Amino acid sequence: MSPRKSWHDRLASYPHLPNIKEIPTAMRARHGEGTIATPSPQEVEAAMRSIPEGRLATVMGIGEDIAARHGATIGCTVTTAIFAHMVAHAAEEAALPKSKTPYWRTLKIGGELNAKYPGGIEAQMSKLEAEGHTVVQRGKRYFVEDFAKKLTGTH
């Protein structure tokens, strides 16, 4: 059995991205006509790296920013979320504190914490609280309180 690819190698294995295509027929009822931007992992990582301490972003916001940069109608948030997950794991794998991407500042829609990030909810909550954010539990899910006031740009 071959060894597993590192997270860094996985991020590098999408040379065909970014790309812009027409919004697929199945998505048009929800999103209308236009184009969809599918980001590269490097674009998602750069967006996540640019979030300063004390500020936050959402996967949806990052997707929207990437779409705007490419002149597309919408961004592919599914691909953006997948790459955010991969970036988070690559950052932990690298374990270089100075150059580490602050992935914990990227939230799911509605300001929800991401259980799929390294260390799960507890680790992300700890990093966010260390930066002054308040995390609240709603049912079984966790959210940053007043996250919308702390978003960078349009994120």
Protein backbone atom coordinates (compact mmCIF):
# COMPACT_ATOMS: atom_id res chain seq x y z
CA MET A 1 0.00 0.00 0.00
CA SER A 2 1.35 3.42 -0.93
CA PRO A 3 1.79 6.08 1.76
CA ARG A 4 -0.94 8.69 2.09
CA LYS A 5 -0.37 11.98 0.35
CA SER A 6 0.43 14.86 2.65
CA TRP A 7 -2.18 17.61 2.96
CA HIS A 8 0.27 19.96 1.24
CA ASP A 9 0.58 17.56 -1.70
CA ARG A 10 -3.19 17.25 -1.90
CA LEU A 11 -3.51 21.04 -2.14
CA ALA A 12 -1.06 21.04 -5.04
CA SER A 13 -2.98 18.43 -7.02
CA TYR A 14 -5.54 20.74 -8.67
CA PRO A 15 -3.64 22.33 -11.58
CA HIS A 16 -6.86 22.85 -13.59
CA LEU A 17 -8.22 25.34 -11.04
CA PRO A 18 -9.38 28.04 -10.83
CA ASN A 19 -11.97 27.86 -13.57
CA ILE A 20 -15.12 29.68 -14.58
CA LYS A 21 -18.09 27.88 -16.12
CA GLU A 22 -21.76 28.51 -16.78
CA ILE A 23 -23.93 27.80 -13.76
CA PRO A 24 -25.10 24.19 -14.25
CA THR A 25 -28.75 23.70 -15.18
CA ALA A 26 -29.53 21.97 -11.87
CA MET A 27 -28.31 25.04 -9.93
CA ARG A 28 -30.12 27.67 -12.02
CA ALA A 29 -33.42 27.47 -10.14
CA ARG A 30 -31.61 28.62 -7.00
CA HIS A 31 -28.85 30.84 -8.44
CA GLY A 32 -30.17 31.98 -11.82
CA GLU A 33 -28.18 32.43 -15.00
CA GLY A 34 -24.52 33.36 -15.06
CA THR A 35 -21.17 31.86 -14.22
CA ILE A 36 -19.66 30.00 -11.29
CA ALA A 37 -16.05 30.34 -10.17
CA THR A 38 -14.40 27.23 -8.79
CA PRO A 39 -11.37 28.41 -6.79
CA SER A 40 -7.93 26.89 -6.63
CA PRO A 41 -6.70 25.67 -3.24
CA GLN A 42 -4.06 28.41 -3.35
CA GLU A 43 -6.75 31.12 -3.67
CA VAL A 44 -8.62 29.73 -0.67
CA GLU A 45 -5.40 29.51 1.34
CA ALA A 46 -4.44 33.09 0.43
CA ALA A 47 -7.87 34.33 1.51
CA MET A 48 -7.60 32.46 4.81
CA ARG A 49 -4.07 33.77 5.42
CA SER A 50 -5.24 37.35 4.92
CA ILE A 51 -7.65 37.31 7.88
CA PRO A 52 -6.05 39.38 10.64
CA GLU A 53 -6.24 38.51 14.32
CA GLY A 54 -9.54 39.64 15.83
CA ARG A 55 -11.36 39.34 12.50
CA LEU A 56 -13.27 36.46 10.90
CA ALA A 57 -14.41 35.16 7.51
CA THR A 58 -16.93 32.59 6.31
CA VAL A 59 -16.52 30.02 3.58
CA MET A 60 -19.45 31.67 1.79
CA GLY A 61 -17.77 35.07 1.96
CA ILE A 62 -14.47 33.72 0.66
CA GLY A 63 -16.35 32.07 -2.24
CA GLU A 64 -18.13 35.35 -3.02
CA ASP A 65 -14.86 37.30 -2.98
CA ILE A 66 -13.20 34.80 -5.31
CA ALA A 67 -16.19 34.96 -7.67
CA ALA A 68 -15.96 38.77 -7.76
CA ARG A 69 -12.23 38.60 -8.44
CA HIS A 70 -12.91 36.37 -11.47
CA GLY A 71 -15.94 38.34 -12.65
CA ALA A 72 -18.23 35.36 -12.00
CA THR A 73 -21.82 35.51 -10.78
CA ILE A 74 -21.29 33.10 -7.86
CA GLY A 75 -18.47 31.16 -6.20
CA CYS A 76 -18.53 27.43 -5.58
CA THR A 77 -18.91 27.27 -1.82
CA VAL A 78 -18.72 23.47 -1.76
CA THR A 79 -15.26 23.50 -3.32
CA THR A 80 -14.25 26.46 -1.13
CA ALA A 81 -15.30 24.51 1.99
CA ILE A 82 -13.40 21.40 0.88
CA PHE A 83 -10.25 23.44 0.25
CA ALA A 84 -10.64 25.29 3.59
CA HIS A 85 -10.66 21.89 5.31
CA MET A 86 -7.55 20.83 3.40
CA VAL A 87 -5.78 24.14 4.13
CA ALA A 88 -6.50 23.71 7.85
CA HIS A 89 -4.99 20.23 7.90
CA ALA A 90 -1.99 21.32 5.80
CA ALA A 91 -1.36 24.17 8.26
CA GLU A 92 -1.36 21.77 11.21
CA GLU A 93 0.78 19.28 9.30
CA ALA A 94 3.40 21.97 8.58
CA ALA A 95 3.48 22.93 12.28
CA LEU A 96 5.40 26.15 11.63
CA PRO A 97 3.76 28.68 13.93
CA LYS A 98 5.06 31.82 12.14
CA SER A 99 3.84 30.78 8.71
CA LYS A 100 0.73 28.90 9.80
CA THR A 101 -2.51 29.84 8.10
CA PRO A 102 -4.99 31.01 10.78
CA TYR A 103 -7.66 28.61 9.55
CA TRP A 104 -9.64 28.81 12.79
CA ARG A 105 -10.77 32.31 11.75
CA THR A 106 -12.73 30.85 8.81
CA LEU A 107 -16.22 29.82 9.89
CA LYS A 108 -19.10 28.01 8.30
CA ILE A 109 -22.26 29.85 7.29
CA GLY A 110 -23.92 31.71 10.14
CA GLY A 111 -20.67 31.89 12.12
CA GLU A 112 -20.65 28.20 12.97
CA LEU A 113 -17.44 26.47 14.06
CA ASN A 114 -16.13 23.66 11.87
CA ALA A 115 -15.86 20.26 13.56
CA LYS A 116 -13.75 18.97 10.66
CA TYR A 117 -10.84 21.29 11.38
CA PRO A 118 -7.85 19.78 13.23
CA GLY A 119 -8.72 19.13 16.86
CA GLY A 120 -12.43 19.58 16.21
CA ILE A 121 -14.70 22.16 17.83
CA GLU A 122 -12.68 22.28 21.06
CA ALA A 123 -9.45 23.31 19.33
CA GLN A 124 -11.12 25.92 17.12
CA MET A 125 -13.05 27.31 20.09
CA SER A 126 -9.86 27.57 22.15
CA LYS A 127 -8.01 29.47 19.39
CA LEU A 128 -10.95 31.83 18.80
CA GLU A 129 -11.46 32.54 22.50
CA ALA A 130 -7.72 33.20 22.87
CA GLU A 131 -8.19 35.95 20.26
CA GLY A 132 -11.08 37.49 22.19
CA HIS A 133 -14.10 35.93 20.46
CA THR A 134 -17.04 34.53 22.42
CA VAL A 135 -18.31 31.10 21.36
CA VAL A 136 -21.86 30.09 22.23
CA GLN A 137 -23.58 26.73 21.98
CA ARG A 138 -26.95 26.43 20.26
CA GLY A 139 -28.24 22.90 20.51
CA LYS A 140 -25.36 20.67 19.48
CA ARG A 141 -23.66 23.34 17.38
CA TYR A 142 -21.24 26.14 18.27
CA PHE A 143 -21.16 29.69 16.89
CA VAL A 144 -19.10 32.85 17.33
CA GLU A 145 -21.32 35.41 19.00
CA ASP A 146 -21.84 38.55 16.89
CA PHE A 147 -19.56 37.09 14.20
CA ALA A 148 -21.03 39.35 11.49
CA LYS A 149 -19.57 42.43 13.24
CA LYS A 150 -16.10 40.89 13.01
CA LEU A 151 -16.07 39.84 9.36
CA THR A 152 -13.27 41.08 7.13
CA GLY A 153 -14.37 42.84 3.96
CA THR A 154 -17.43 41.13 2.53
CA HIS A 155 -16.69 37.79 4.19
